[in-house]
């Protein structure tokens, strides 16, 4: 190890509660970090006790931090100096770290996970604190310091840092299996997909369109959204499925008030078939209770009853402002609000039913005989793998 080596020190939270399964979660997180940083120069990721160390070439720290900020499973990370666990080296690292800061007061917070280090945490606080105060003249404030210098002694190494960057938390993508998300192109469904990524799911996507009665903008838009979401999980599989003939058949043979719910049940059946092919055990939607007429409790229940797979609705209790705020944090909001023609708004009735039942919808569906149309729509599924936007942009530049 170099005397003072810059690195990124990664901490996790929820993974630490996984008991004997913890190594599995740690390995997945390390793999995801390596994948996120794969195109950066000379990256080495090491597993430490309760932490992960990322060694980088000088100058690559800003790009690496931007990418780590999108890796689920990370509680926080810090640009740190790594040094030998020796008093002199730790003092030198501390003085170098605080040199770039101005502070009205400071405190030192040391953690000694490696008990072979001779000084206690309190002794390290005092020794390093005295050196920093002598060099800077800053007063010590243990209650509310303007700057906190952190020292961690672990696995025969010491890490010194001040700045902590909050991570996305949650679980590493991939530890919870795969799901299929219905992606409309609006604000809600990308947020719902990201919430499932945060719980460790890898997400594939299906989008239903009414081309050529509606233009191709919605298909281009969802491909862009999958690319943006790919920054959090890597390349995403997107299925583009035509719904037009099913919609036209429903319009010609079903009561207008039930159209949206019948469209929705057809989409769920189609998405479930795609999920079965992918061996994904659940579907994900962006529905929020009471947000629109089709999302009343009775209507959501009526849609649920047609699904052969569990329907997960991570935004069910969120209001619109919460969803918008999260979309802005994810970076999907601006694209989501770009205008497009939605397949569900196409041929939408003026007065949709707000309280419907599975029994009533099944009675209508028996006369519709949708099975041949569903099979035809699946046969026209256009599957593609969408690269994360950063990778796509780099490929064009090259």
Protein backbone atom coordinates (compact mmCIF):
# COMPACT_ATOMS: atom_id res chain seq x y z
CA UNK A 1 0.00 0.00 0.00
CA UNK A 2 1.24 3.49 -0.84
CA UNK A 3 1.86 5.73 2.16
CA UNK A 4 -1.32 7.73 1.42
CA UNK A 5 -3.58 6.18 -1.20
CA UNK A 6 -6.82 7.86 -2.32
CA UNK A 7 -9.80 5.52 -2.49
CA UNK A 8 -13.56 5.38 -2.01
CA UNK A 9 -14.79 3.70 1.16
CA UNK A 10 -18.26 2.17 0.76
CA UNK A 11 -20.61 1.39 3.65
CA UNK A 12 -23.81 -0.61 3.55
CA UNK A 13 -26.62 -0.82 6.12
CA UNK A 14 -29.38 -3.38 5.50
CA UNK A 15 -26.94 -5.99 4.21
CA UNK A 16 -25.31 -6.04 7.64
CA UNK A 17 -28.51 -7.57 9.08
CA UNK A 18 -28.52 -10.63 6.80
CA UNK A 19 -26.80 -13.05 9.18
CA UNK A 20 -25.33 -16.12 7.51
CA UNK A 21 -26.57 -14.91 4.09
CA UNK A 22 -24.57 -11.71 4.40
CA UNK A 23 -21.63 -12.90 2.22
CA UNK A 24 -24.03 -13.57 -0.66
CA UNK A 25 -25.36 -10.00 -0.47
CA UNK A 26 -21.84 -8.59 -0.15
CA UNK A 27 -20.64 -10.48 -3.22
CA UNK A 28 -23.58 -9.24 -5.24
CA UNK A 29 -22.97 -5.66 -4.16
CA UNK A 30 -19.28 -5.92 -5.05
CA UNK A 31 -20.20 -7.36 -8.46
CA UNK A 32 -22.64 -4.50 -9.07
CA UNK A 33 -20.02 -1.93 -8.06
CA UNK A 34 -17.49 -3.54 -10.40
CA UNK A 35 -20.04 -3.47 -13.22
CA UNK A 36 -20.91 0.17 -12.58
CA UNK A 37 -17.24 1.17 -12.64
CA UNK A 38 -16.13 -1.24 -15.36
CA UNK A 39 -15.19 1.38 -17.93
CA UNK A 40 -13.11 3.47 -15.56
CA UNK A 41 -9.34 3.03 -15.55
CA UNK A 42 -7.78 0.45 -13.24
CA UNK A 43 -10.53 -0.04 -10.70
CA UNK A 44 -10.04 -2.58 -7.91
CA UNK A 45 -12.81 -3.40 -5.46
CA UNK A 46 -11.92 -5.09 -2.16
CA UNK A 47 -14.16 -6.55 0.50
CA UNK A 48 -13.26 -5.48 4.04
CA UNK A 49 -14.95 -6.19 7.35
CA UNK A 50 -18.35 -4.47 7.04
CA UNK A 51 -17.09 -2.19 4.27
CA UNK A 52 -15.92 -2.15 0.66
CA UNK A 53 -12.82 -0.37 -0.59
CA UNK A 54 -12.65 0.96 -4.15
CA UNK A 55 -9.17 1.75 -5.42
CA UNK A 56 -9.03 4.16 -8.38
CA UNK A 57 -6.60 5.81 -10.70
CA UNK A 58 -6.10 9.52 -9.86
CA UNK A 59 -8.61 11.73 -11.63
CA UNK A 60 -11.35 9.13 -11.93
CA UNK A 61 -12.94 9.88 -8.54
CA UNK A 62 -15.73 12.26 -9.80
CA UNK A 63 -16.98 9.78 -12.41
CA UNK A 64 -16.74 6.90 -9.93
CA UNK A 65 -18.68 8.78 -7.26
CA UNK A 66 -21.45 9.65 -9.74
CA UNK A 67 -21.82 5.97 -10.61
CA UNK A 68 -21.65 4.73 -7.03
CA UNK A 69 -24.48 7.12 -6.25
CA UNK A 70 -26.71 4.95 -8.44
CA UNK A 71 -25.79 1.54 -7.01
CA UNK A 72 -28.55 0.15 -4.80
CA UNK A 73 -27.34 -1.42 -1.56
CA UNK A 74 -24.91 1.38 -0.66
CA UNK A 75 -25.80 3.37 2.47
CA UNK A 76 -23.06 5.95 1.94
CA UNK A 77 -19.56 6.25 0.55
CA UNK A 78 -16.66 8.60 1.14
CA UNK A 79 -13.58 9.78 -0.74
CA UNK A 80 -10.87 8.74 1.71
CA UNK A 81 -7.14 8.42 2.17
CA UNK A 82 -5.98 4.91 3.00
CA UNK A 83 -2.82 4.53 5.01
CA UNK A 84 -0.97 2.09 7.22
CA UNK A 85 -2.42 1.71 10.74
CA UNK A 86 0.37 3.72 12.35
CA UNK A 87 -0.01 6.91 14.35
CA UNK A 88 2.33 8.95 12.17
CA UNK A 89 0.66 7.86 8.92
CA UNK A 90 -2.80 8.55 10.34
CA UNK A 91 -1.82 12.05 11.47
CA UNK A 92 -0.34 12.80 8.03
CA UNK A 93 -3.50 11.55 6.31
CA UNK A 94 -5.70 13.59 8.64
CA UNK A 95 -3.77 16.80 7.96
CA UNK A 96 -3.96 16.21 4.21
CA UNK A 97 -7.71 15.53 4.34
CA UNK A 98 -8.57 18.67 6.35
CA UNK A 99 -6.22 20.87 4.29
CA UNK A 100 -8.91 21.35 1.67
CA UNK A 101 -11.50 22.51 4.19
CA UNK A 102 -12.19 25.62 6.18
CA UNK A 103 -14.12 25.12 9.39
CA UNK A 104 -15.24 27.12 12.40
CA UNK A 105 -14.90 23.99 14.55
CA UNK A 106 -14.16 20.30 14.21
CA UNK A 107 -14.35 16.91 15.86
CA UNK A 108 -12.62 13.60 15.28
CA UNK A 109 -14.68 10.39 15.25
CA UNK A 110 -12.59 7.22 15.21
CA UNK A 111 -13.78 3.61 14.90
CA UNK A 112 -11.33 0.82 15.67
CA UNK A 113 -12.77 -2.36 14.18
CA UNK A 114 -9.25 -3.85 14.08
CA UNK A 115 -8.50 -4.41 17.77
CA UNK A 116 -4.83 -5.15 17.06
CA UNK A 117 -4.31 -1.41 16.67
CA UNK A 118 -2.74 -0.27 19.99
CA UNK A 119 -4.64 2.98 20.53
CA UNK A 120 -8.30 2.98 21.57
CA UNK A 121 -10.84 4.95 19.55
CA UNK A 122 -10.80 7.67 22.18
CA UNK A 123 -7.00 7.76 22.20
CA UNK A 124 -6.98 8.11 18.42
CA UNK A 125 -9.54 10.95 18.65
CA UNK A 126 -7.30 12.81 21.07
CA UNK A 127 -4.01 12.22 19.26
CA UNK A 128 -5.28 13.17 15.81
CA UNK A 129 -7.43 15.98 17.19
CA UNK A 130 -4.39 17.58 18.83
CA UNK A 131 -2.44 17.41 15.57
CA UNK A 132 -5.27 18.96 13.56
CA UNK A 133 -5.82 21.73 16.10
CA UNK A 134 -2.11 22.55 16.19
CA UNK A 135 -2.01 22.78 12.38
CA UNK A 136 -5.25 24.72 11.85
CA UNK A 137 -6.10 26.51 15.06
CA UNK A 138 -9.69 25.31 14.81
CA UNK A 139 -11.54 24.83 18.10
CA UNK A 140 -12.88 21.42 19.01
CA UNK A 141 -16.67 21.06 19.25
CA UNK A 142 -17.83 17.57 20.12
CA UNK A 143 -21.54 18.46 20.13
CA UNK A 144 -22.11 20.22 16.80
CA UNK A 145 -18.85 20.45 14.85
CA UNK A 146 -18.73 22.31 11.56
CA UNK A 147 -16.42 19.58 10.23
CA UNK A 148 -16.18 15.95 11.28
CA UNK A 149 -12.98 14.08 10.56
CA UNK A 150 -13.63 10.33 10.48
CA UNK A 151 -11.06 7.60 11.00
CA UNK A 152 -11.72 3.89 10.53
CA UNK A 153 -9.17 1.21 11.39
CA UNK A 154 -10.15 -2.07 9.76
CA UNK A 155 -8.35 -5.12 8.32
CA UNK A 156 -4.86 -3.71 8.98
CA UNK A 157 -5.69 -0.51 7.15
CA UNK A 158 -6.76 2.95 8.18
CA UNK A 159 -9.13 5.21 6.29
CA UNK A 160 -9.40 8.94 6.91
CA UNK A 161 -12.13 11.15 5.43
CA UNK A 162 -14.48 14.07 6.04
CA UNK A 163 -17.14 14.06 3.33
CA UNK A 164 -19.83 11.38 3.19
CA UNK A 165 -22.13 10.97 0.19
CA UNK A 166 -25.48 9.34 0.79
CA UNK A 167 -26.17 6.27 -1.33
CA UNK A 168 -29.39 4.74 -2.65
CA UNK A 169 -29.55 2.22 0.22
CA UNK A 170 -31.81 -0.83 -0.15
CA UNK A 171 -30.52 -4.16 -1.49
CA UNK A 172 -28.19 -4.93 -4.40
CA UNK A 173 -29.95 -5.51 -7.71
CA UNK A 174 -30.16 -9.23 -8.40
CA UNK A 175 -30.51 -10.67 -4.89
CA UNK A 176 -34.32 -10.77 -5.03
CA UNK A 177 -34.85 -12.28 -8.47
CA UNK A 178 -36.50 -10.86 -11.56
CA UNK A 179 -39.79 -9.04 -12.19
CA UNK A 180 -41.52 -7.63 -15.27
CA UNK A 181 -42.71 -4.01 -15.09
CA UNK A 182 -45.43 -2.50 -17.24
CA UNK A 183 -43.86 0.73 -18.52
CA UNK A 184 -46.31 3.31 -19.84
CA UNK A 185 -44.03 6.25 -20.57
CA UNK A 186 -45.54 8.40 -17.83
CA UNK A 187 -44.09 9.50 -14.50
CA UNK A 188 -45.24 6.66 -12.25
CA UNK A 189 -44.14 3.39 -13.85
CA UNK A 190 -40.38 4.19 -14.05
CA UNK A 191 -40.45 5.12 -10.36
CA UNK A 192 -42.22 1.85 -9.51
CA UNK A 193 -39.58 -0.10 -11.46
CA UNK A 194 -36.77 1.69 -9.64
CA UNK A 195 -38.37 0.94 -6.26
CA UNK A 196 -38.25 -2.77 -7.11
CA UNK A 197 -34.61 -2.44 -8.14
CA UNK A 198 -34.01 -0.89 -4.73
CA UNK A 199 -35.41 -4.05 -3.15
CA UNK A 200 -32.95 -6.19 -5.08
CA UNK A 201 -34.99 -7.08 -8.19
CA UNK A 202 -33.71 -7.09 -11.72
CA UNK A 203 -36.44 -5.56 -13.89
CA UNK A 204 -37.49 -6.35 -17.46
CA UNK A 205 -40.03 -4.10 -19.15
CA UNK A 206 -43.08 -4.39 -21.36
CA UNK A 207 -44.70 -1.46 -23.16
CA UNK A 208 -48.07 -1.59 -24.93
CA UNK A 209 -48.67 0.69 -27.91
CA UNK A 210 -51.42 1.47 -30.42
CA UNK A 211 -49.23 2.13 -33.45
CA UNK A 212 -50.08 3.16 -36.17
CA UNK A 213 -53.18 4.87 -34.73
CA UNK A 214 -50.82 6.56 -32.32
CA UNK A 215 -47.34 7.65 -33.39
CA UNK A 216 -44.10 5.90 -32.49
CA UNK A 217 -43.14 8.52 -29.88
CA UNK A 218 -44.22 6.38 -26.94
CA UNK A 219 -41.99 3.51 -28.07
CA UNK A 220 -38.99 5.81 -28.46
CA UNK A 221 -39.77 7.39 -25.12
CA UNK A 222 -39.92 4.14 -23.14
CA UNK A 223 -36.69 2.99 -24.75
CA UNK A 224 -35.14 6.19 -23.39
CA UNK A 225 -36.62 5.52 -19.95
CA UNK A 226 -35.23 1.98 -19.91
CA UNK A 227 -31.85 3.48 -20.79
CA UNK A 228 -32.10 5.91 -17.88
CA UNK A 229 -33.17 3.16 -15.48
CA UNK A 230 -30.28 1.07 -16.80
CA UNK A 231 -27.95 3.36 -14.88
CA UNK A 232 -29.26 1.63 -11.74
CA UNK A 233 -29.27 -2.00 -12.91
CA UNK A 234 -27.40 -2.29 -16.20
CA UNK A 235 -28.91 -3.20 -19.61
CA UNK A 236 -32.67 -3.74 -19.58
CA UNK A 237 -34.83 -6.03 -21.67
CA UNK A 238 -37.73 -4.20 -23.30
CA UNK A 239 -40.76 -5.81 -24.97
CA UNK A 240 -42.92 -3.68 -27.30
CA UNK A 241 -46.35 -5.26 -27.71
CA UNK A 242 -49.16 -3.93 -29.98
CA UNK A 243 -52.54 -3.50 -28.30
CA UNK A 244 -54.46 -1.85 -31.15
CA UNK A 245 -56.48 -4.82 -32.41
CA UNK A 246 -57.45 -5.79 -28.87
CA UNK A 247 -58.60 -2.24 -28.18
CA UNK A 248 -60.61 -2.02 -31.39
CA UNK A 249 -62.31 -5.31 -30.57
CA UNK A 250 -63.17 -4.14 -27.04
CA UNK A 251 -64.53 -0.82 -28.35
CA UNK A 252 -66.81 -2.66 -30.76
CA UNK A 253 -68.13 -5.27 -28.31
CA UNK A 254 -67.98 -3.96 -24.72
CA UNK A 255 -69.69 -1.19 -22.70
CA UNK A 256 -67.70 2.09 -22.94
CA UNK A 257 -67.42 2.48 -19.16
CA UNK A 258 -65.50 -0.80 -18.90
CA UNK A 259 -63.01 -0.19 -21.71
CA UNK A 260 -60.04 0.95 -19.63
CA UNK A 261 -60.37 -1.95 -17.20
CA UNK A 262 -60.65 -4.44 -20.06
CA UNK A 263 -57.58 -2.92 -21.73
CA UNK A 264 -55.78 -3.21 -18.42
CA UNK A 265 -56.71 -6.86 -17.89
CA UNK A 266 -55.56 -7.68 -21.42
CA UNK A 267 -52.21 -6.00 -20.70
CA UNK A 268 -51.81 -7.97 -17.48
CA UNK A 269 -52.46 -11.26 -19.24
CA UNK A 270 -49.94 -10.40 -21.98
CA UNK A 271 -47.31 -9.24 -19.50
CA UNK A 272 -47.81 -12.42 -17.47
CA UNK A 273 -47.03 -14.55 -20.53
CA UNK A 274 -43.84 -12.59 -21.13
CA UNK A 275 -42.92 -12.95 -17.46
CA UNK A 276 -43.43 -16.71 -17.63
CA UNK A 277 -41.04 -16.93 -20.58
CA UNK A 278 -38.49 -14.95 -18.54
CA UNK A 279 -39.15 -17.05 -15.42
CA UNK A 280 -40.07 -13.87 -13.56
CA UNK A 281 -42.51 -14.67 -10.72
CA UNK A 282 -44.24 -11.27 -10.46
CA UNK A 283 -45.45 -8.20 -12.36
CA UNK A 284 -44.95 -4.56 -11.35
CA UNK A 285 -47.17 -1.56 -12.10
CA UNK A 286 -46.99 2.12 -11.19
CA UNK A 287 -50.55 2.40 -9.93
CA UNK A 288 -51.34 4.60 -6.93
CA UNK A 289 -54.58 4.13 -5.02
CA UNK A 290 -57.25 6.62 -6.07
CA UNK A 291 -55.03 8.57 -8.45
CA UNK A 292 -57.35 8.05 -11.46
CA UNK A 293 -60.72 6.40 -12.01
CA UNK A 294 -59.24 3.02 -12.95
CA UNK A 295 -57.20 2.94 -9.72
CA UNK A 296 -59.96 2.79 -7.13
CA UNK A 297 -59.67 -0.09 -4.69
CA UNK A 298 -62.48 -2.06 -6.31
CA UNK A 299 -61.04 -1.57 -9.80
CA UNK A 300 -57.53 -2.56 -8.72
CA UNK A 301 -58.99 -5.68 -7.12
CA UNK A 302 -60.91 -6.50 -10.30
CA UNK A 303 -57.70 -6.23 -12.35
CA UNK A 304 -55.78 -8.33 -9.82
CA UNK A 305 -58.20 -11.23 -10.21
CA UNK A 306 -57.26 -11.80 -13.86
CA UNK A 307 -53.55 -12.11 -13.22
CA UNK A 308 -51.93 -15.54 -12.93
CA UNK A 309 -48.94 -13.87 -11.24
CA UNK A 310 -48.71 -11.57 -8.20
CA UNK A 311 -49.14 -7.89 -9.07
CA UNK A 312 -46.73 -5.67 -7.12
CA UNK A 313 -47.61 -1.98 -6.74
CA UNK A 314 -44.76 -0.28 -4.86
CA UNK A 315 -46.37 3.16 -5.24
CA UNK A 316 -49.81 2.17 -4.00
CA UNK A 317 -49.72 4.49 -0.97
CA UNK A 318 -47.76 7.34 -2.57
CA UNK A 319 -49.30 10.64 -3.61
CA UNK A 320 -48.43 12.36 -6.89
CA UNK A 321 -46.01 14.86 -5.35
CA UNK A 322 -44.00 12.05 -3.75
CA UNK A 323 -43.83 10.22 -7.07
CA UNK A 324 -42.75 13.37 -8.93
CA UNK A 325 -40.03 14.10 -6.35
CA UNK A 326 -38.67 10.57 -6.69
CA UNK A 327 -38.78 10.77 -10.51
CA UNK A 328 -36.68 13.93 -10.33
CA UNK A 329 -34.15 12.21 -8.04
CA UNK A 330 -33.95 9.26 -10.44
CA UNK A 331 -33.53 11.52 -13.48
CA UNK A 332 -36.59 10.16 -15.33
CA UNK A 333 -38.96 13.08 -14.75
CA UNK A 334 -38.02 15.30 -17.72
CA UNK A 335 -38.40 12.48 -20.21
CA UNK A 336 -41.58 11.20 -18.57
CA UNK A 337 -43.37 14.53 -19.00
CA UNK A 338 -42.44 14.82 -22.69
CA UNK A 339 -45.69 14.57 -24.70
CA UNK A 340 -46.65 11.25 -26.26
CA UNK A 341 -49.82 9.40 -27.24
CA UNK A 342 -50.62 6.79 -24.60
CA UNK A 343 -52.34 3.57 -25.63
CA UNK A 344 -54.71 3.78 -22.64
CA UNK A 345 -55.89 7.28 -23.55
CA UNK A 346 -56.58 6.09 -27.09
CA UNK A 347 -60.30 5.29 -27.39
CA UNK A 348 -60.77 6.15 -23.69
CA UNK A 349 -64.41 6.58 -22.58
CA UNK A 350 -65.66 9.89 -21.18
CA UNK A 351 -67.09 8.27 -18.03
CA UNK A 352 -65.03 5.19 -16.99
CA UNK A 353 -66.37 2.88 -14.31
CA UNK A 354 -64.99 3.59 -10.84
CA UNK A 355 -66.47 0.57 -9.03
CA UNK A 356 -66.28 -2.67 -10.93
CA UNK A 357 -65.90 -6.35 -10.06
CA UNK A 358 -64.08 -9.33 -11.45
CA UNK A 359 -67.41 -11.10 -11.93
CA UNK A 360 -68.77 -8.32 -14.15
CA UNK A 361 -65.61 -8.09 -16.25
CA UNK A 362 -65.41 -11.86 -16.71
CA UNK A 363 -68.98 -11.89 -17.98
CA UNK A 364 -68.07 -9.32 -20.64
CA UNK A 365 -64.81 -11.10 -21.51
CA UNK A 366 -66.63 -14.38 -22.17
CA UNK A 367 -68.41 -12.71 -25.08
CA UNK A 368 -65.25 -10.95 -26.29
CA UNK A 369 -63.24 -14.15 -26.92
CA UNK A 370 -59.93 -12.31 -26.70
CA UNK A 371 -57.62 -15.34 -26.74
CA UNK A 372 -56.77 -15.26 -30.48
CA UNK A 373 -56.07 -11.53 -30.30
CA UNK A 374 -53.86 -11.97 -27.24
CA UNK A 375 -51.88 -14.67 -29.02
CA UNK A 376 -51.50 -12.47 -32.10
CA UNK A 377 -50.24 -9.56 -30.01
CA UNK A 378 -47.62 -11.76 -28.33
CA UNK A 379 -46.49 -13.01 -31.73
CA UNK A 380 -45.71 -9.39 -32.68
CA UNK A 381 -43.69 -8.68 -29.53
CA UNK A 382 -40.57 -6.72 -30.46
CA UNK A 383 -37.88 -7.58 -27.92
CA UNK A 384 -34.74 -5.50 -27.56
CA UNK A 385 -31.99 -5.00 -24.99
CA UNK A 386 -31.45 -1.36 -24.10
CA UNK A 387 -28.06 -0.19 -22.89
CA UNK A 388 -27.76 2.33 -20.04
CA UNK A 389 -27.70 5.87 -21.46
CA UNK A 390 -24.09 6.49 -20.44
CA UNK A 391 -22.90 3.39 -22.29
CA UNK A 392 -25.02 4.24 -25.33
CA UNK A 393 -23.68 7.80 -25.44
CA UNK A 394 -20.10 6.56 -25.17
CA UNK A 395 -20.61 4.07 -27.97
CA UNK A 396 -21.84 6.83 -30.31
CA UNK A 397 -18.89 9.01 -29.43
CA UNK A 398 -16.46 6.24 -30.28
